[in-house]
């Protein structure tokens, strides 16, 4: 009887093992009512766009409107920014160093306009050099830089020309206007995300339009931009936007109409 029970048990296990796999369920039928795919909420907020190209929309934070630098501070000591405001623009004062926003940001849309002085002298990197750091992570030039430079008939390394992600990614095209004319950057910045232990979860990405031309298309960064060596990430939460007072001997550049929109 014990042997018979063992045989029955073995047959039962074999029977289970030989069962055909369960038949997959048929996919759900596609909806036939167009209302099934309509989304009604949440309703996007209503804003008022600028009344001319480049004007700040109603939900923007205006960082410089030609009047003062109240939104900015000197990077090295946190004192009020001392660049020269005149005639509706601000001109770099190289003796006082970099400036950065008092507010900190993560993901955002940035608009800024900059001008290399007409009759600029010098060549290569010594010709209208500056930069916009999309996240300032230190007192000097630490962070993530989109290069500003006179790249109109001015040869230099391509990952250091205007609209490059400095030392990482040349622009897709050179959209530079001649010195004396205003240049426009429209930038979408997606900040890197770090885990609790500081490990990188998702890298930073940047999209740049230079004078209305796409020059960086959701470019993924390898880390912070550095002058010497390889880029690498270091964790941060949010950061200021920084403008560079580069030490090259050419005449300083100017800025106007700077605004930012927080995303997310």
C-alpha atoms as a PDB file:
ATOM      1  CA  UNK A   1       0.000   0.000   0.000  1.00  0.00           C
ATOM      2  CA  UNK A   2       2.891   2.307   0.763  1.00  0.00           C
ATOM      3  CA  UNK A   3       4.462   1.482  -2.592  1.00  0.00           C
ATOM      4  CA  UNK A   4       1.196   2.146  -4.381  1.00  0.00           C
ATOM      5  CA  UNK A   5       0.853   5.487  -2.639  1.00  0.00           C
ATOM      6  CA  UNK A   6       4.352   6.410  -3.779  1.00  0.00           C
ATOM      7  CA  UNK A   7       3.538   5.464  -7.349  1.00  0.00           C
ATOM      8  CA  UNK A   8       0.361   7.512  -7.315  1.00  0.00           C
ATOM      9  CA  UNK A   9       2.233  10.483  -5.918  1.00  0.00           C
ATOM     10  CA  UNK A  10       4.905  10.165  -8.574  1.00  0.00           C
ATOM     11  CA  UNK A  11       2.295   9.974 -11.316  1.00  0.00           C
ATOM     12  CA  UNK A  12       0.590  13.056  -9.921  1.00  0.00           C
ATOM     13  CA  UNK A  13       3.866  15.035  -9.983  1.00  0.00           C
ATOM     14  CA  UNK A  14       4.508  13.871 -13.568  1.00  0.00           C
ATOM     15  CA  UNK A  15       0.999  14.859 -14.543  1.00  0.00           C
ATOM     16  CA  UNK A  16       1.529  18.342 -13.148  1.00  0.00           C
ATOM     17  CA  UNK A  17       4.870  18.644 -14.883  1.00  0.00           C
ATOM     18  CA  UNK A  18       3.364  17.738 -18.245  1.00  0.00           C
ATOM     19  CA  UNK A  19       0.491  20.195 -18.132  1.00  0.00           C
ATOM     20  CA  UNK A  20       0.533  22.622 -21.082  1.00  0.00           C
ATOM     21  CA  UNK A  21       1.330  26.249 -20.155  1.00  0.00           C
ATOM     22  CA  UNK A  22      -1.583  28.444 -19.273  1.00  0.00           C
ATOM     23  CA  UNK A  23      -3.007  30.169 -22.317  1.00  0.00           C
ATOM     24  CA  UNK A  24      -2.133  33.860 -22.418  1.00  0.00           C
ATOM     25  CA  UNK A  25      -5.052  36.153 -21.958  1.00  0.00           C
ATOM     26  CA  UNK A  26      -6.190  38.023 -25.012  1.00  0.00           C
ATOM     27  CA  UNK A  27      -5.194  41.689 -24.974  1.00  0.00           C
ATOM     28  CA  UNK A  28      -7.848  44.091 -23.888  1.00  0.00           C
ATOM     29  CA  UNK A  29      -9.840  45.534 -26.714  1.00  0.00           C
ATOM     30  CA  UNK A  30      -8.831  48.992 -27.871  1.00  0.00           C
ATOM     31  CA  UNK A  31     -11.254  51.667 -26.686  1.00  0.00           C
ATOM     32  CA  UNK A  32     -13.722  52.730 -29.335  1.00  0.00           C
ATOM     33  CA  UNK A  33     -14.842  55.898 -27.593  1.00  0.00           C
ATOM     34  CA  UNK A  34     -12.529  58.877 -28.248  1.00  0.00           C
ATOM     35  CA  UNK A  35     -13.381  60.240 -24.805  1.00  0.00           C
ATOM     36  CA  UNK A  36     -11.541  57.297 -23.234  1.00  0.00           C
ATOM     37  CA  UNK A  37      -8.204  58.915 -24.113  1.00  0.00           C
ATOM     38  CA  UNK A  38      -9.073  62.512 -23.175  1.00  0.00           C
ATOM     39  CA  UNK A  39      -7.231  64.045 -20.224  1.00  0.00           C
ATOM     40  CA  UNK A  40      -8.944  66.940 -18.441  1.00  0.00           C
ATOM     41  CA  UNK A  41      -6.888  67.424 -15.283  1.00  0.00           C
ATOM     42  CA  UNK A  42      -4.629  68.832 -14.027  1.00  0.00           C
ATOM     43  CA  UNK A  43      -5.229  71.974 -16.086  1.00  0.00           C
ATOM     44  CA  UNK A  44      -1.954  73.734 -17.091  1.00  0.00           C
ATOM     45  CA  UNK A  45      -1.604  77.159 -15.475  1.00  0.00           C
ATOM     46  CA  UNK A  46      -2.299  80.186 -17.649  1.00  0.00           C
ATOM     47  CA  UNK A  47       0.610  82.586 -18.234  1.00  0.00           C
ATOM     48  CA  UNK A  48       1.067  85.632 -20.438  1.00  0.00           C
ATOM     49  CA  UNK A  49       3.925  85.364 -22.937  1.00  0.00           C
ATOM     50  CA  UNK A  50       6.197  88.314 -23.588  1.00  0.00           C
ATOM     51  CA  UNK A  51       4.789  90.823 -26.053  1.00  0.00           C
ATOM     52  CA  UNK A  52       7.951  90.758 -28.176  1.00  0.00           C
ATOM     53  CA  UNK A  53      10.524  88.073 -28.921  1.00  0.00           C
ATOM     54  CA  UNK A  54      12.764  87.523 -25.924  1.00  0.00           C
ATOM     55  CA  UNK A  55      10.537  89.354 -23.446  1.00  0.00           C
ATOM     56  CA  UNK A  56       9.995  87.612 -20.120  1.00  0.00           C
ATOM     57  CA  UNK A  57       6.692  85.710 -19.746  1.00  0.00           C
ATOM     58  CA  UNK A  58       4.536  86.373 -16.724  1.00  0.00           C
ATOM     59  CA  UNK A  59       5.836  83.368 -14.752  1.00  0.00           C
ATOM     60  CA  UNK A  60       9.514  84.248 -15.207  1.00  0.00           C
ATOM     61  CA  UNK A  61      11.905  85.462 -12.521  1.00  0.00           C
ATOM     62  CA  UNK A  62      13.621  88.524 -13.980  1.00  0.00           C
ATOM     63  CA  UNK A  63      17.300  88.387 -13.085  1.00  0.00           C
ATOM     64  CA  UNK A  64      18.376  91.565 -14.897  1.00  0.00           C
ATOM     65  CA  UNK A  65      16.138  94.141 -16.566  1.00  0.00           C
ATOM     66  CA  UNK A  66      18.681  96.890 -17.156  1.00  0.00           C
ATOM     67  CA  UNK A  67      18.272  98.697 -13.837  1.00  0.00           C
ATOM     68  CA  UNK A  68      20.250  97.001 -11.072  1.00  0.00           C
ATOM     69  CA  UNK A  69      21.960  93.814  -9.897  1.00  0.00           C
ATOM     70  CA  UNK A  70      19.777  93.205  -6.848  1.00  0.00           C
ATOM     71  CA  UNK A  71      19.336  89.558  -7.884  1.00  0.00           C
ATOM     72  CA  UNK A  72      23.108  88.950  -8.005  1.00  0.00           C
ATOM     73  CA  UNK A  73      26.049  88.605  -5.634  1.00  0.00           C
ATOM     74  CA  UNK A  74      29.817  88.377  -5.909  1.00  0.00           C
ATOM     75  CA  UNK A  75      30.774  84.709  -5.932  1.00  0.00           C
ATOM     76  CA  UNK A  76      33.931  84.908  -3.846  1.00  0.00           C
ATOM     77  CA  UNK A  77      32.413  86.572  -0.769  1.00  0.00           C
ATOM     78  CA  UNK A  78      28.633  86.889  -1.226  1.00  0.00           C
ATOM     79  CA  UNK A  79      28.755  90.692  -1.302  1.00  0.00           C
ATOM     80  CA  UNK A  80      26.530  92.678  -3.704  1.00  0.00           C
ATOM     81  CA  UNK A  81      27.558  92.248  -7.352  1.00  0.00           C
ATOM     82  CA  UNK A  82      29.688  95.164  -8.544  1.00  0.00           C
ATOM     83  CA  UNK A  83      29.663  94.836 -12.296  1.00  0.00           C
ATOM     84  CA  UNK A  84      28.897  98.090 -14.159  1.00  0.00           C
ATOM     85  CA  UNK A  85      25.223  98.791 -14.911  1.00  0.00           C
ATOM     86  CA  UNK A  86      24.785 101.488 -17.571  1.00  0.00           C
ATOM     87  CA  UNK A  87      22.477 102.295 -20.475  1.00  0.00           C
ATOM     88  CA  UNK A  88      20.232  99.313 -19.730  1.00  0.00           C
ATOM     89  CA  UNK A  89      23.069  96.754 -19.799  1.00  0.00           C
ATOM     90  CA  UNK A  90      25.604  95.341 -17.378  1.00  0.00           C
ATOM     91  CA  UNK A  91      29.273  95.102 -18.351  1.00  0.00           C
ATOM     92  CA  UNK A  92      31.667  92.629 -16.762  1.00  0.00           C
ATOM     93  CA  UNK A  93      34.086  94.087 -14.213  1.00  0.00           C
ATOM     94  CA  UNK A  94      36.954  91.641 -14.366  1.00  0.00           C
ATOM     95  CA  UNK A  95      38.557  93.062 -11.226  1.00  0.00           C
ATOM     96  CA  UNK A  96      35.631  91.990  -9.014  1.00  0.00           C
ATOM     97  CA  UNK A  97      35.303  88.417 -10.323  1.00  0.00           C
ATOM     98  CA  UNK A  98      32.369  86.147 -11.126  1.00  0.00           C
ATOM     99  CA  UNK A  99      28.806  86.947 -10.090  1.00  0.00           C
ATOM    100  CA  UNK A 100      25.939  84.556  -9.405  1.00  0.00           C
ATOM    101  CA  UNK A 101      22.234  84.667  -8.628  1.00  0.00           C
ATOM    102  CA  UNK A 102      21.136  84.971  -5.024  1.00  0.00           C
ATOM    103  CA  UNK A 103      18.413  82.408  -5.718  1.00  0.00           C
ATOM    104  CA  UNK A 104      19.231  78.760  -6.331  1.00  0.00           C
ATOM    105  CA  UNK A 105      17.578  76.600  -8.995  1.00  0.00           C
ATOM    106  CA  UNK A 106      17.317  73.045 -10.261  1.00  0.00           C
ATOM    107  CA  UNK A 107      15.578  72.525 -13.633  1.00  0.00           C
ATOM    108  CA  UNK A 108      14.801  75.678 -15.568  1.00  0.00           C
ATOM    109  CA  UNK A 109      14.527  77.635 -18.810  1.00  0.00           C
ATOM    110  CA  UNK A 110      17.032  80.494 -19.073  1.00  0.00           C
ATOM    111  CA  UNK A 111      17.100  83.455 -21.454  1.00  0.00           C
ATOM    112  CA  UNK A 112      20.068  85.804 -21.639  1.00  0.00           C
ATOM    113  CA  UNK A 113      21.519  88.199 -24.181  1.00  0.00           C
ATOM    114  CA  UNK A 114      25.186  89.122 -24.452  1.00  0.00           C
ATOM    115  CA  UNK A 115      27.340  91.331 -26.650  1.00  0.00           C
ATOM    116  CA  UNK A 116      30.992  91.310 -27.582  1.00  0.00           C
ATOM    117  CA  UNK A 117      32.196  94.915 -28.029  1.00  0.00           C
ATOM    118  CA  UNK A 118      32.642  96.103 -31.589  1.00  0.00           C
ATOM    119  CA  UNK A 119      36.308  96.259 -32.531  1.00  0.00           C
ATOM    120  CA  UNK A 120      37.221  93.478 -30.068  1.00  0.00           C
ATOM    121  CA  UNK A 121      40.911  92.575 -30.032  1.00  0.00           C
ATOM    122  CA  UNK A 122      42.701  89.307 -29.398  1.00  0.00           C
ATOM    123  CA  UNK A 123      42.162  85.844 -30.815  1.00  0.00           C
ATOM    124  CA  UNK A 124      41.246  82.352 -29.769  1.00  0.00           C
ATOM    125  CA  UNK A 125      40.229  82.113 -26.123  1.00  0.00           C
ATOM    126  CA  UNK A 126      41.550  85.649 -25.503  1.00  0.00           C
ATOM    127  CA  UNK A 127      38.693  87.313 -27.384  1.00  0.00           C
ATOM    128  CA  UNK A 128      35.481  88.154 -25.526  1.00  0.00           C
ATOM    129  CA  UNK A 129      35.745  85.174 -23.193  1.00  0.00           C
ATOM    130  CA  UNK A 130      33.077  84.577 -20.541  1.00  0.00           C
ATOM    131  CA  UNK A 131      30.601  81.850 -19.681  1.00  0.00           C
ATOM    132  CA  UNK A 132      27.256  81.048 -18.127  1.00  0.00           C
ATOM    133  CA  UNK A 133      27.439  78.345 -15.454  1.00  0.00           C
ATOM    134  CA  UNK A 134      24.084  76.586 -15.286  1.00  0.00           C
ATOM    135  CA  UNK A 135      24.847  75.339 -11.795  1.00  0.00           C
ATOM    136  CA  UNK A 136      27.566  77.010  -9.747  1.00  0.00           C
ATOM    137  CA  UNK A 137      29.127  74.459  -7.408  1.00  0.00           C
ATOM    138  CA  UNK A 138      32.084  76.410  -6.042  1.00  0.00           C
ATOM    139  CA  UNK A 139      33.737  79.782  -5.482  1.00  0.00           C
ATOM    140  CA  UNK A 140      35.666  79.881  -8.737  1.00  0.00           C
ATOM    141  CA  UNK A 141      34.777  78.366 -12.104  1.00  0.00           C
ATOM    142  CA  UNK A 142      33.305  75.172 -10.653  1.00  0.00           C
ATOM    143  CA  UNK A 143      30.061  73.990 -12.178  1.00  0.00           C
ATOM    144  CA  UNK A 144      28.509  73.342 -15.583  1.00  0.00           C
ATOM    145  CA  UNK A 145      29.452  75.928 -18.210  1.00  0.00           C
ATOM    146  CA  UNK A 146      28.072  76.910 -21.580  1.00  0.00           C
ATOM    147  CA  UNK A 147      30.856  78.922 -23.188  1.00  0.00           C
ATOM    148  CA  UNK A 148      30.582  82.584 -24.173  1.00  0.00           C
ATOM    149  CA  UNK A 149      33.204  83.786 -26.641  1.00  0.00           C
ATOM    150  CA  UNK A 150      33.564  85.802 -29.814  1.00  0.00           C
ATOM    151  CA  UNK A 151      33.424  82.956 -32.331  1.00  0.00           C
ATOM    152  CA  UNK A 152      32.877  85.159 -35.374  1.00  0.00           C
ATOM    153  CA  UNK A 153      35.854  84.470 -37.650  1.00  0.00           C
ATOM    154  CA  UNK A 154      37.873  83.440 -34.605  1.00  0.00           C
ATOM    155  CA  UNK A 155      39.493  80.013 -34.656  1.00  0.00           C
ATOM    156  CA  UNK A 156      39.850  78.043 -31.429  1.00  0.00           C
ATOM    157  CA  UNK A 157      39.249  74.493 -30.182  1.00  0.00           C
ATOM    158  CA  UNK A 158      35.675  73.628 -31.115  1.00  0.00           C
ATOM    159  CA  UNK A 159      34.623  72.425 -27.666  1.00  0.00           C
ATOM    160  CA  UNK A 160      35.611  75.857 -26.389  1.00  0.00           C
ATOM    161  CA  UNK A 161      33.873  78.080 -28.919  1.00  0.00           C
ATOM    162  CA  UNK A 162      30.649  79.978 -28.270  1.00  0.00           C
ATOM    163  CA  UNK A 163      27.666  77.760 -27.330  1.00  0.00           C
ATOM    164  CA  UNK A 164      29.853  74.744 -26.566  1.00  0.00           C
ATOM    165  CA  UNK A 165      29.437  72.776 -23.378  1.00  0.00           C
ATOM    166  CA  UNK A 166      32.915  73.759 -22.321  1.00  0.00           C
ATOM    167  CA  UNK A 167      35.509  71.057 -23.033  1.00  0.00           C
ATOM    168  CA  UNK A 168      32.721  68.497 -23.584  1.00  0.00           C
ATOM    169  CA  UNK A 169      30.538  69.220 -26.617  1.00  0.00           C
ATOM    170  CA  UNK A 170      31.005  71.557 -29.603  1.00  0.00           C
ATOM    171  CA  UNK A 171      27.862  73.302 -30.865  1.00  0.00           C
ATOM    172  CA  UNK A 172      26.094  71.661 -33.803  1.00  0.00           C
ATOM    173  CA  UNK A 173      26.694  74.831 -35.838  1.00  0.00           C
ATOM    174  CA  UNK A 174      28.352  78.216 -35.351  1.00  0.00           C
ATOM    175  CA  UNK A 175      25.442  80.708 -35.155  1.00  0.00           C
ATOM    176  CA  UNK A 176      27.555  83.685 -34.072  1.00  0.00           C
ATOM    177  CA  UNK A 177      26.697  87.248 -35.087  1.00  0.00           C
ATOM    178  CA  UNK A 178      29.503  89.795 -35.601  1.00  0.00           C
ATOM    179  CA  UNK A 179      30.949  91.727 -32.645  1.00  0.00           C
ATOM    180  CA  UNK A 180      28.821  94.683 -31.667  1.00  0.00           C
ATOM    181  CA  UNK A 181      25.561  92.784 -32.252  1.00  0.00           C
ATOM    182  CA  UNK A 182      23.541  91.117 -29.502  1.00  0.00           C
ATOM    183  CA  UNK A 183      23.745  87.350 -29.138  1.00  0.00           C
ATOM    184  CA  UNK A 184      20.845  85.388 -27.610  1.00  0.00           C
ATOM    185  CA  UNK A 185      20.982  82.168 -25.602  1.00  0.00           C
ATOM    186  CA  UNK A 186      17.829  80.224 -24.737  1.00  0.00           C
ATOM    187  CA  UNK A 187      18.775  77.286 -22.549  1.00  0.00           C
ATOM    188  CA  UNK A 188      16.845  74.406 -20.993  1.00  0.00           C
ATOM    189  CA  UNK A 189      18.740  72.875 -18.075  1.00  0.00           C
ATOM    190  CA  UNK A 190      17.933  69.511 -16.505  1.00  0.00           C
ATOM    191  CA  UNK A 191      19.968  69.130 -13.344  1.00  0.00           C
ATOM    192  CA  UNK A 192      21.672  65.856 -12.389  1.00  0.00           C
ATOM    193  CA  UNK A 193      19.975  63.704  -9.761  1.00  0.00           C
ATOM    194  CA  UNK A 194      21.964  62.047  -6.977  1.00  0.00           C
ATOM    195  CA  UNK A 195      21.105  59.224  -4.586  1.00  0.00           C
ATOM    196  CA  UNK A 196      21.249  59.657  -0.823  1.00  0.00           C
ATOM    197  CA  UNK A 197      24.798  58.274  -0.784  1.00  0.00           C
ATOM    198  CA  UNK A 198      25.936  60.779  -3.449  1.00  0.00           C
ATOM    199  CA  UNK A 199      25.934  58.327  -6.350  1.00  0.00           C
ATOM    200  CA  UNK A 200      24.726  59.669  -9.675  1.00  0.00           C
ATOM    201  CA  UNK A 201      21.210  58.506 -10.563  1.00  0.00           C
ATOM    202  CA  UNK A 202      20.608  60.532 -13.744  1.00  0.00           C
ATOM    203  CA  UNK A 203      23.070  62.820 -15.544  1.00  0.00           C
ATOM    204  CA  UNK A 204      22.586  66.485 -16.376  1.00  0.00           C
ATOM    205  CA  UNK A 205      21.245  67.434 -19.806  1.00  0.00           C
ATOM    206  CA  UNK A 206      21.193  70.760 -21.621  1.00  0.00           C
ATOM    207  CA  UNK A 207      19.477  72.123 -24.718  1.00  0.00           C
ATOM    208  CA  UNK A 208      20.787  75.391 -26.160  1.00  0.00           C
ATOM    209  CA  UNK A 209      19.463  77.726 -28.841  1.00  0.00           C
ATOM    210  CA  UNK A 210      21.949  80.355 -30.040  1.00  0.00           C
ATOM    211  CA  UNK A 211      20.279  83.220 -31.893  1.00  0.00           C
ATOM    212  CA  UNK A 212      17.242  80.993 -32.401  1.00  0.00           C
ATOM    213  CA  UNK A 213      19.291  78.095 -33.808  1.00  0.00           C
ATOM    214  CA  UNK A 214      19.446  74.727 -32.013  1.00  0.00           C
ATOM    215  CA  UNK A 215      23.106  74.127 -31.165  1.00  0.00           C
ATOM    216  CA  UNK A 216      22.926  71.616 -28.254  1.00  0.00           C
ATOM    217  CA  UNK A 217      20.143  69.029 -28.522  1.00  0.00           C
ATOM    218  CA  UNK A 218      19.403  67.552 -25.087  1.00  0.00           C
ATOM    219  CA  UNK A 219      23.129  67.033 -24.625  1.00  0.00           C
ATOM    220  CA  UNK A 220      24.033  64.684 -21.780  1.00  0.00           C
ATOM    221  CA  UNK A 221      26.944  65.894 -19.678  1.00  0.00           C
ATOM    222  CA  UNK A 222      29.764  63.678 -18.425  1.00  0.00           C
ATOM    223  CA  UNK A 223      30.111  65.763 -15.277  1.00  0.00           C
ATOM    224  CA  UNK A 224      31.116  69.285 -14.332  1.00  0.00           C
ATOM    225  CA  UNK A 225      33.020  71.236 -16.971  1.00  0.00           C
ATOM    226  CA  UNK A 226      36.714  71.605 -16.180  1.00  0.00           C
ATOM    227  CA  UNK A 227      39.660  73.356 -17.843  1.00  0.00           C
ATOM    228  CA  UNK A 228      42.126  70.531 -17.189  1.00  0.00           C
ATOM    229  CA  UNK A 229      41.347  66.830 -16.887  1.00  0.00           C
ATOM    230  CA  UNK A 230      38.214  64.751 -17.188  1.00  0.00           C
ATOM    231  CA  UNK A 231      34.744  65.849 -16.096  1.00  0.00           C
ATOM    232  CA  UNK A 232      33.196  64.201 -13.070  1.00  0.00           C
ATOM    233  CA  UNK A 233      30.095  64.642 -10.940  1.00  0.00           C
ATOM    234  CA  UNK A 234      29.922  65.772  -7.339  1.00  0.00           C
ATOM    235  CA  UNK A 235      26.540  65.793  -5.594  1.00  0.00           C
ATOM    236  CA  UNK A 236      24.561  68.973  -4.999  1.00  0.00           C
ATOM    237  CA  UNK A 237      20.878  69.778  -4.479  1.00  0.00           C
ATOM    238  CA  UNK A 238      20.266  73.157  -6.103  1.00  0.00           C
ATOM    239  CA  UNK A 239      22.635  75.896  -7.235  1.00  0.00           C
ATOM    240  CA  UNK A 240      23.012  79.474  -8.395  1.00  0.00           C
ATOM    241  CA  UNK A 241      23.408  80.548 -12.018  1.00  0.00           C
ATOM    242  CA  UNK A 242      26.856  82.093 -12.466  1.00  0.00           C
ATOM    243  CA  UNK A 243      28.333  84.546 -14.999  1.00  0.00           C
ATOM    244  CA  UNK A 244      32.070  84.492 -15.526  1.00  0.00           C
ATOM    245  CA  UNK A 245      34.510  87.384 -15.345  1.00  0.00           C
ATOM    246  CA  UNK A 246      37.209  85.744 -17.431  1.00  0.00           C
ATOM    247  CA  UNK A 247      40.743  87.025 -17.013  1.00  0.00           C
ATOM    248  CA  UNK A 248      41.621  87.301 -20.710  1.00  0.00           C
ATOM    249  CA  UNK A 249      43.024  90.734 -21.737  1.00  0.00           C
ATOM    250  CA  UNK A 250      40.319  91.610 -24.286  1.00  0.00           C
ATOM    251  CA  UNK A 251      37.685  94.296 -23.537  1.00  0.00           C
ATOM    252  CA  UNK A 252      34.821  93.015 -21.327  1.00  0.00           C
ATOM    253  CA  UNK A 253      31.482  91.861 -22.728  1.00  0.00           C
ATOM    254  CA  UNK A 254      28.004  93.041 -21.685  1.00  0.00           C
ATOM    255  CA  UNK A 255      24.685  91.382 -20.805  1.00  0.00           C
ATOM    256  CA  UNK A 256      21.021  92.377 -20.884  1.00  0.00           C
ATOM    257  CA  UNK A 257      17.539  90.854 -20.551  1.00  0.00           C
ATOM    258  CA  UNK A 258      18.204  87.859 -18.309  1.00  0.00           C
ATOM    259  CA  UNK A 259      15.296  85.826 -16.969  1.00  0.00           C
ATOM    260  CA  UNK A 260      14.587  82.284 -15.790  1.00  0.00           C
ATOM    261  CA  UNK A 261      11.543  80.009 -15.480  1.00  0.00           C
ATOM    262  CA  UNK A 262      11.565  77.183 -12.965  1.00  0.00           C
ATOM    263  CA  UNK A 263      10.505  73.832 -14.433  1.00  0.00           C
ATOM    264  CA  UNK A 264       8.822  71.174 -12.365  1.00  0.00           C
END
